[in-house]
C-alpha atoms as a PDB file:
ATOM      1  CA  MET A   1      17.754   3.783 -16.394  1.00  0.00           C
ATOM      2  CA  THR A   2      18.789   1.208 -13.976  1.00  0.00           C
ATOM      3  CA  ALA A   3      16.406  -1.191 -12.021  1.00  0.00           C
ATOM      4  CA  ARG A   4      17.118   0.799  -8.812  1.00  0.00           C
ATOM      5  CA  GLU A   5      16.277   4.256  -9.933  1.00  0.00           C
ATOM      6  CA  PRO A   6      12.509   4.066  -9.425  1.00  0.00           C
ATOM      7  CA  TYR A   7      13.245   3.039  -5.800  1.00  0.00           C
ATOM      8  CA  GLU A   8      15.759   5.727  -5.320  1.00  0.00           C
ATOM      9  CA  ARG A   9      13.220   8.429  -6.682  1.00  0.00           C
ATOM     10  CA  PHE A  10      10.636   7.036  -4.346  1.00  0.00           C
ATOM     11  CA  SER A  11      13.048   7.121  -1.316  1.00  0.00           C
ATOM     12  CA  HIS A  12      14.134  10.747  -2.022  1.00  0.00           C
ATOM     13  CA  LEU A  13      10.624  12.022  -2.576  1.00  0.00           C
ATOM     14  CA  SER A  14       9.277  10.191   0.685  1.00  0.00           C
ATOM     15  CA  ARG A  15      12.112  11.658   2.802  1.00  0.00           C
ATOM     16  CA  LEU A  16      11.272  15.175   1.297  1.00  0.00           C
ATOM     17  CA  GLY A  17       7.633  14.664   2.059  1.00  0.00           C
ATOM     18  CA  TRP A  18       8.344  13.884   5.741  1.00  0.00           C
ATOM     19  CA  ASP A  19      10.601  16.955   5.891  1.00  0.00           C
ATOM     20  CA  LEU A  20       8.008  19.158   4.407  1.00  0.00           C
ATOM     21  CA  HIS A  21       5.326  17.622   6.695  1.00  0.00           C
ATOM     22  CA  ALA A  22       7.343  18.405   9.626  1.00  0.00           C
ATOM     23  CA  LEU A  23       7.529  22.141   8.489  1.00  0.00           C
ATOM     24  CA  GLY A  24       3.699  22.180   8.469  1.00  0.00           C
ATOM     25  CA  ILE A  25       3.361  21.895   4.683  1.00  0.00           C
ATOM     26  CA  ARG A  26       0.437  19.857   3.261  1.00  0.00           C
ATOM     27  CA  VAL A  27       2.042  17.179   0.854  1.00  0.00           C
ATOM     28  CA  SER A  28       0.768  14.135  -1.104  1.00  0.00           C
ATOM     29  CA  LEU A  29       2.990  11.465  -2.726  1.00  0.00           C
ATOM     30  CA  VAL A  30       1.718  10.447  -6.098  1.00  0.00           C
ATOM     31  CA  VAL A  31       2.852   7.208  -7.433  1.00  0.00           C
ATOM     32  CA  PRO A  32       1.188   6.499 -10.832  1.00  0.00           C
ATOM     33  CA  VAL A  33       0.920   3.152 -12.464  1.00  0.00           C
ATOM     34  CA  THR A  34       3.047   4.402 -15.387  1.00  0.00           C
ATOM     35  CA  GLY A  35       5.550   7.184 -15.018  1.00  0.00           C
ATOM     36  CA  GLN A  36       7.629   8.724 -12.285  1.00  0.00           C
ATOM     37  CA  PRO A  37       6.393   9.432  -8.697  1.00  0.00           C
ATOM     38  CA  VAL A  38       5.703  13.040  -7.919  1.00  0.00           C
ATOM     39  CA  LEU A  39       5.442  14.892  -4.531  1.00  0.00           C
ATOM     40  CA  GLU A  40       2.609  17.474  -4.627  1.00  0.00           C
ATOM     41  CA  MET A  41       2.890  20.263  -1.983  1.00  0.00           C
ATOM     42  CA  HIS A  42       0.478  23.129  -1.402  1.00  0.00           C
ATOM     43  CA  SER A  43       2.007  26.562  -0.999  1.00  0.00           C
ATOM     44  CA  THR A  44       0.813  29.233   1.422  1.00  0.00           C
ATOM     45  CA  ASN A  45      -1.504  30.713  -1.264  1.00  0.00           C
ATOM     46  CA  GLY A  46      -2.978  27.314  -1.986  1.00  0.00           C
ATOM     47  CA  THR A  47      -1.414  26.444  -5.349  1.00  0.00           C
ATOM     48  CA  ALA A  48      -0.224  22.999  -5.863  1.00  0.00           C
ATOM     49  CA  ILE A  49       3.395  22.569  -6.706  1.00  0.00           C
ATOM     50  CA  ARG A  50       4.727  19.291  -8.259  1.00  0.00           C
ATOM     51  CA  VAL A  51       8.169  18.395  -7.072  1.00  0.00           C
ATOM     52  CA  THR A  52      10.149  15.781  -8.997  1.00  0.00           C
ATOM     53  CA  VAL A  53      13.513  14.194  -8.577  1.00  0.00           C
ATOM     54  CA  ILE A  54      15.919  13.734 -11.433  1.00  0.00           C
ATOM     55  CA  ARG A  55      19.454  12.384 -11.793  1.00  0.00           C
ATOM     56  CA  ARG A  56      21.856  15.028 -13.035  1.00  0.00           C
ATOM     57  CA  TYR A  57      25.730  14.988 -13.437  1.00  0.00           C
ATOM     58  CA  CYS A  58      25.946  16.096  -9.745  1.00  0.00           C
ATOM     59  CA  GLY A  59      23.572  13.502  -8.406  1.00  0.00           C
ATOM     60  CA  TRP A  60      19.926  13.445  -7.546  1.00  0.00           C
ATOM     61  CA  VAL A  61      18.174  16.766  -7.537  1.00  0.00           C
ATOM     62  CA  PHE A  62      14.724  18.012  -6.654  1.00  0.00           C
ATOM     63  CA  THR A  63      13.021  20.313  -9.260  1.00  0.00           C
ATOM     64  CA  TRP A  64       9.743  22.064  -8.840  1.00  0.00           C
ATOM     65  CA  ARG A  65       9.308  24.156 -11.836  1.00  0.00           C
ATOM     66  CA  PRO A  66       7.360  23.070 -15.112  1.00  0.00           C
ATOM     67  CA  TRP A  67       9.739  21.818 -17.779  1.00  0.00           C
ATOM     68  CA  TRP A  68       9.240  24.864 -19.934  1.00  0.00           C
ATOM     69  CA  SER A  69      10.308  27.323 -17.199  1.00  0.00           C
ATOM     70  CA  ARG A  70      13.641  25.439 -16.896  1.00  0.00           C
ATOM     71  CA  LEU A  71      14.648  26.940 -20.140  1.00  0.00           C
ATOM     72  CA  TRP A  72      15.182  30.252 -18.657  1.00  0.00           C
ATOM     73  CA  ARG A  73      15.188  29.562 -14.764  1.00  0.00           C
ATOM     74  CA  ARG A  74      17.966  27.073 -14.260  1.00  0.00           C
ATOM     75  CA  ASP A  75      18.267  27.886 -10.551  1.00  0.00           C
ATOM     76  CA  THR A  76      15.072  25.998  -9.412  1.00  0.00           C
ATOM     77  CA  TRP A  77      16.636  22.916  -8.276  1.00  0.00           C
ATOM     78  CA  VAL A  78      18.356  21.748  -5.067  1.00  0.00           C
ATOM     79  CA  LEU A  79      20.494  18.646  -4.277  1.00  0.00           C
ATOM     80  CA  ALA A  80      18.385  15.807  -2.923  1.00  0.00           C
ATOM     81  CA  ASP A  81      20.965  14.965  -0.360  1.00  0.00           C
ATOM     82  CA  ALA A  82      20.980  18.462   1.118  1.00  0.00           C
ATOM     83  CA  THR A  83      19.958  18.563   4.646  1.00  0.00           C
ATOM     84  CA  ASN A  84      17.964  21.675   4.182  1.00  0.00           C
ATOM     85  CA  ALA A  85      16.341  20.825   0.890  1.00  0.00           C
ATOM     86  CA  ALA A  86      12.809  21.223   2.295  1.00  0.00           C
ATOM     87  CA  ASP A  87      13.551  24.690   3.715  1.00  0.00           C
ATOM     88  CA  ILE A  88      14.950  25.851   0.399  1.00  0.00           C
ATOM     89  CA  ILE A  89      12.050  24.548  -1.607  1.00  0.00           C
ATOM     90  CA  VAL A  90       9.470  26.177   0.853  1.00  0.00           C
ATOM     91  CA  ALA A  91      11.330  29.493   0.655  1.00  0.00           C
ATOM     92  CA  GLU A  92      11.517  29.409  -3.175  1.00  0.00           C
ATOM     93  CA  VAL A  93       7.974  28.454  -3.793  1.00  0.00           C
ATOM     94  CA  ASN A  94       6.534  30.865  -1.197  1.00  0.00           C
ATOM     95  CA  ALA A  95       8.660  33.840  -2.594  1.00  0.00           C
END
């Protein structure tokens, strides 16, 4: 991990937070003392969803499923640079 990665993670999550806020979604950016920052969003039924950003071969991506569900659901991510990332996440979470 490079020295810039924590700042890039924070930057992507804060941008997504503002995009989700503009859509009327309640969000909180959690920046723990140790560990990675996480964006918590509340879906329409009130459940809290934790959105993280990770680096993959294609660049930075947002993922919102627990690690164990990624074993069989590999389609639960969206590129962080996508202009409609917030719309995609809201549609997937509320489906």
